[in-house]
Amino acid sequence: QVQLVESGGGLVQSGGSLRLSCKASGRIVSIGAMGWYRQAPGKERELVATITSDDSTNYADSVKGRFTIARDNTKNTVFLQMNSLKPEDTAVYYCNADVRSSWFSSSVVSYWGQGTQVTVSS
């Protein structure tokens, strides 16, 4: 099995910054795409940013220029640097990773973390 553990959430004032981390552990042969998603109260979960194994990135329009996704493949960890935070960024942030767990199969399973709360006060 594979576990994803997020950290770094919290309460910050509007205009402030936070850095989220997500570390994958368990039966890991390789990790493909990793990403961050968020879900605000009463809303559907939405994509924030993704990064491929060769560091190609994709961002939601609402966070472009403010958030930066990065990964450390040696530590199976993905980061999300969030700057210029706004109250509308308030949500539970979830980490996602596509993991290959067997040397004898190319199948990939998508795993989710438990989520970390980010609250931005105005």
C-alpha atoms as a PDB file:
ATOM      1  CA  GLN A   1       0.000   0.000   0.000  1.00  0.00           C
ATOM      2  CA  VAL A   2       0.921   3.635  -0.405  1.00  0.00           C
ATOM      3  CA  GLN A   3       0.283   6.508   1.969  1.00  0.00           C
ATOM      4  CA  LEU A   4       0.323  10.217   1.222  1.00  0.00           C
ATOM      5  CA  VAL A   5       0.759  12.549   4.171  1.00  0.00           C
ATOM      6  CA  GLU A   6       0.247  16.288   3.779  1.00  0.00           C
ATOM      7  CA  SER A   7       1.571  18.998   6.069  1.00  0.00           C
ATOM      8  CA  GLY A   8       1.927  22.756   6.165  1.00  0.00           C
ATOM      9  CA  GLY A   9      -1.648  23.961   6.269  1.00  0.00           C
ATOM     10  CA  GLY A  10      -2.881  26.551   8.712  1.00  0.00           C
ATOM     11  CA  LEU A  11      -4.355  29.990   9.224  1.00  0.00           C
ATOM     12  CA  VAL A  12      -2.830  32.967   7.423  1.00  0.00           C
ATOM     13  CA  GLN A  13      -3.855  36.530   6.702  1.00  0.00           C
ATOM     14  CA  SER A  14      -4.744  37.700   3.229  1.00  0.00           C
ATOM     15  CA  GLY A  15      -1.556  38.391   1.269  1.00  0.00           C
ATOM     16  CA  GLY A  16       0.422  35.883   3.275  1.00  0.00           C
ATOM     17  CA  SER A  17       2.184  32.686   2.250  1.00  0.00           C
ATOM     18  CA  LEU A  18       2.105  29.008   3.109  1.00  0.00           C
ATOM     19  CA  ARG A  19       4.070  26.000   1.862  1.00  0.00           C
ATOM     20  CA  LEU A  20       2.367  22.627   1.686  1.00  0.00           C
ATOM     21  CA  SER A  21       4.276  19.350   1.569  1.00  0.00           C
ATOM     22  CA  CYS A  22       3.107  15.849   0.707  1.00  0.00           C
ATOM     23  CA  LYS A  23       5.276  12.789   1.185  1.00  0.00           C
ATOM     24  CA  ALA A  24       4.481   9.422  -0.356  1.00  0.00           C
ATOM     25  CA  SER A  25       5.590   6.241   1.381  1.00  0.00           C
ATOM     26  CA  GLY A  26       5.013   2.512   1.125  1.00  0.00           C
ATOM     27  CA  ARG A  27       5.333   0.188  -1.872  1.00  0.00           C
ATOM     28  CA  ILE A  28       6.666   2.569  -4.508  1.00  0.00           C
ATOM     29  CA  VAL A  29       8.483   1.631  -7.697  1.00  0.00           C
ATOM     30  CA  SER A  30       7.908   4.950  -9.381  1.00  0.00           C
ATOM     31  CA  ILE A  31       5.615   7.960  -9.195  1.00  0.00           C
ATOM     32  CA  GLY A  32       4.156   9.597 -12.259  1.00  0.00           C
ATOM     33  CA  ALA A  33       2.112  12.756 -12.021  1.00  0.00           C
ATOM     34  CA  MET A  34       1.608  14.402  -8.644  1.00  0.00           C
ATOM     35  CA  GLY A  35      -0.783  17.176  -7.862  1.00  0.00           C
ATOM     36  CA  TRP A  36      -2.715  19.338  -5.468  1.00  0.00           C
ATOM     37  CA  TYR A  37      -6.477  19.709  -5.399  1.00  0.00           C
ATOM     38  CA  ARG A  38      -8.728  21.669  -3.077  1.00  0.00           C
ATOM     39  CA  GLN A  39     -12.286  21.568  -1.855  1.00  0.00           C
ATOM     40  CA  ALA A  40     -14.047  24.505  -0.265  1.00  0.00           C
ATOM     41  CA  PRO A  41     -17.234  24.068   1.806  1.00  0.00           C
ATOM     42  CA  GLY A  42     -20.210  23.403  -0.424  1.00  0.00           C
ATOM     43  CA  LYS A  43     -18.082  23.158  -3.551  1.00  0.00           C
ATOM     44  CA  GLU A  44     -16.651  20.338  -5.641  1.00  0.00           C
ATOM     45  CA  ARG A  45     -13.015  19.337  -5.453  1.00  0.00           C
ATOM     46  CA  GLU A  46     -10.985  21.250  -8.025  1.00  0.00           C
ATOM     47  CA  LEU A  47      -7.520  21.005  -9.518  1.00  0.00           C
ATOM     48  CA  VAL A  48      -4.962  23.479  -8.188  1.00  0.00           C
ATOM     49  CA  ALA A  49      -1.725  22.324  -9.825  1.00  0.00           C
ATOM     50  CA  THR A  50      -0.078  19.218 -11.237  1.00  0.00           C
ATOM     51  CA  ILE A  51       3.480  18.224 -12.049  1.00  0.00           C
ATOM     52  CA  THR A  52       4.647  15.313 -14.175  1.00  0.00           C
ATOM     53  CA  SER A  53       7.641  13.086 -13.555  1.00  0.00           C
ATOM     54  CA  ASP A  54       9.679  15.263 -15.925  1.00  0.00           C
ATOM     55  CA  ASP A  55       8.600  18.460 -14.136  1.00  0.00           C
ATOM     56  CA  SER A  56       6.008  19.687 -16.606  1.00  0.00           C
ATOM     57  CA  THR A  57       3.505  21.790 -14.643  1.00  0.00           C
ATOM     58  CA  ASN A  58      -0.109  22.833 -15.003  1.00  0.00           C
ATOM     59  CA  TYR A  59      -2.033  25.379 -12.918  1.00  0.00           C
ATOM     60  CA  ALA A  60      -5.606  26.449 -12.438  1.00  0.00           C
ATOM     61  CA  ASP A  61      -6.145  29.944 -13.825  1.00  0.00           C
ATOM     62  CA  SER A  62      -7.119  31.180 -10.363  1.00  0.00           C
ATOM     63  CA  VAL A  63      -3.664  30.432  -8.906  1.00  0.00           C
ATOM     64  CA  LYS A  64      -1.341  31.162 -11.837  1.00  0.00           C
ATOM     65  CA  GLY A  65       1.412  33.558 -10.829  1.00  0.00           C
ATOM     66  CA  ARG A  66       0.744  33.020  -7.111  1.00  0.00           C
ATOM     67  CA  PHE A  67       1.274  29.282  -6.521  1.00  0.00           C
ATOM     68  CA  THR A  68       4.247  27.123  -7.502  1.00  0.00           C
ATOM     69  CA  ILE A  69       4.312  23.333  -7.534  1.00  0.00           C
ATOM     70  CA  ALA A  70       7.581  21.404  -7.283  1.00  0.00           C
ATOM     71  CA  ARG A  71       8.708  17.884  -6.448  1.00  0.00           C
ATOM     72  CA  ASP A  72      11.689  16.092  -4.971  1.00  0.00           C
ATOM     73  CA  ASN A  73      11.830  12.671  -6.574  1.00  0.00           C
ATOM     74  CA  THR A  74      14.553  11.485  -4.201  1.00  0.00           C
ATOM     75  CA  LYS A  75      12.132  11.963  -1.302  1.00  0.00           C
ATOM     76  CA  ASN A  76       8.860  11.110  -3.087  1.00  0.00           C
ATOM     77  CA  THR A  77       7.589  14.526  -2.027  1.00  0.00           C
ATOM     78  CA  VAL A  78       5.588  17.232  -3.745  1.00  0.00           C
ATOM     79  CA  PHE A  79       5.358  20.835  -2.581  1.00  0.00           C
ATOM     80  CA  LEU A  80       2.984  23.712  -3.140  1.00  0.00           C
ATOM     81  CA  GLN A  81       4.295  27.199  -2.433  1.00  0.00           C
ATOM     82  CA  MET A  82       1.333  29.538  -2.038  1.00  0.00           C
ATOM     83  CA  ASN A  83       1.953  33.283  -2.107  1.00  0.00           C
ATOM     84  CA  SER A  84      -0.382  36.277  -2.137  1.00  0.00           C
ATOM     85  CA  LEU A  85      -3.102  34.168  -0.568  1.00  0.00           C
ATOM     86  CA  LYS A  86      -6.704  35.323  -0.807  1.00  0.00           C
ATOM     87  CA  PRO A  87      -9.751  34.443   1.306  1.00  0.00           C
ATOM     88  CA  GLU A  88     -11.122  32.510  -1.692  1.00  0.00           C
ATOM     89  CA  ASP A  89      -8.141  30.149  -1.414  1.00  0.00           C
ATOM     90  CA  THR A  90      -9.618  28.838   1.834  1.00  0.00           C
ATOM     91  CA  ALA A  91     -10.209  25.104   1.423  1.00  0.00           C
ATOM     92  CA  VAL A  92      -9.018  21.645   2.341  1.00  0.00           C
ATOM     93  CA  TYR A  93      -6.027  20.884   0.133  1.00  0.00           C
ATOM     94  CA  TYR A  94      -5.478  17.306  -1.011  1.00  0.00           C
ATOM     95  CA  CYS A  95      -2.375  15.716  -2.455  1.00  0.00           C
ATOM     96  CA  ASN A  96      -2.635  13.179  -5.289  1.00  0.00           C
ATOM     97  CA  ALA A  97      -0.048  10.844  -6.803  1.00  0.00           C
ATOM     98  CA  ASP A  98      -0.058   8.207  -9.537  1.00  0.00           C
ATOM     99  CA  VAL A  99       2.033   5.346  -8.178  1.00  0.00           C
ATOM    100  CA  ARG A 100       3.440   2.191  -9.697  1.00  0.00           C
ATOM    101  CA  SER A 101       3.949  -0.389  -6.946  1.00  0.00           C
ATOM    102  CA  SER A 102       5.130  -3.498  -8.781  1.00  0.00           C
ATOM    103  CA  TRP A 103       8.254  -4.274 -10.836  1.00  0.00           C
ATOM    104  CA  PHE A 104       6.229  -6.926 -12.683  1.00  0.00           C
ATOM    105  CA  SER A 105       3.303  -4.772 -13.738  1.00  0.00           C
ATOM    106  CA  SER A 106       3.035  -1.357 -15.344  1.00  0.00           C
ATOM    107  CA  SER A 107      -0.297  -0.635 -13.693  1.00  0.00           C
ATOM    108  CA  VAL A 108      -0.628   2.661 -11.824  1.00  0.00           C
ATOM    109  CA  VAL A 109      -2.931   3.517  -8.946  1.00  0.00           C
ATOM    110  CA  SER A 110      -3.972   7.048  -8.028  1.00  0.00           C
ATOM    111  CA  TYR A 111      -3.688   7.768  -4.306  1.00  0.00           C
ATOM    112  CA  TRP A 112      -5.001  10.661  -2.203  1.00  0.00           C
ATOM    113  CA  GLY A 113      -3.836  12.188   1.026  1.00  0.00           C
ATOM    114  CA  GLN A 114      -6.125  12.914   3.941  1.00  0.00           C
ATOM    115  CA  GLY A 115      -6.155  16.667   3.305  1.00  0.00           C
ATOM    116  CA  THR A 116      -4.825  19.715   5.110  1.00  0.00           C
ATOM    117  CA  GLN A 117      -6.874  22.799   5.969  1.00  0.00           C
ATOM    118  CA  VAL A 118      -5.821  26.183   4.618  1.00  0.00           C
ATOM    119  CA  THR A 119      -7.699  29.192   5.963  1.00  0.00           C
ATOM    120  CA  VAL A 120      -7.052  32.712   4.705  1.00  0.00           C
ATOM    121  CA  SER A 121      -8.545  35.532   6.763  1.00  0.00           C
ATOM    122  CA  SER A 122      -9.431  38.893   5.254  1.00  0.00           C
END
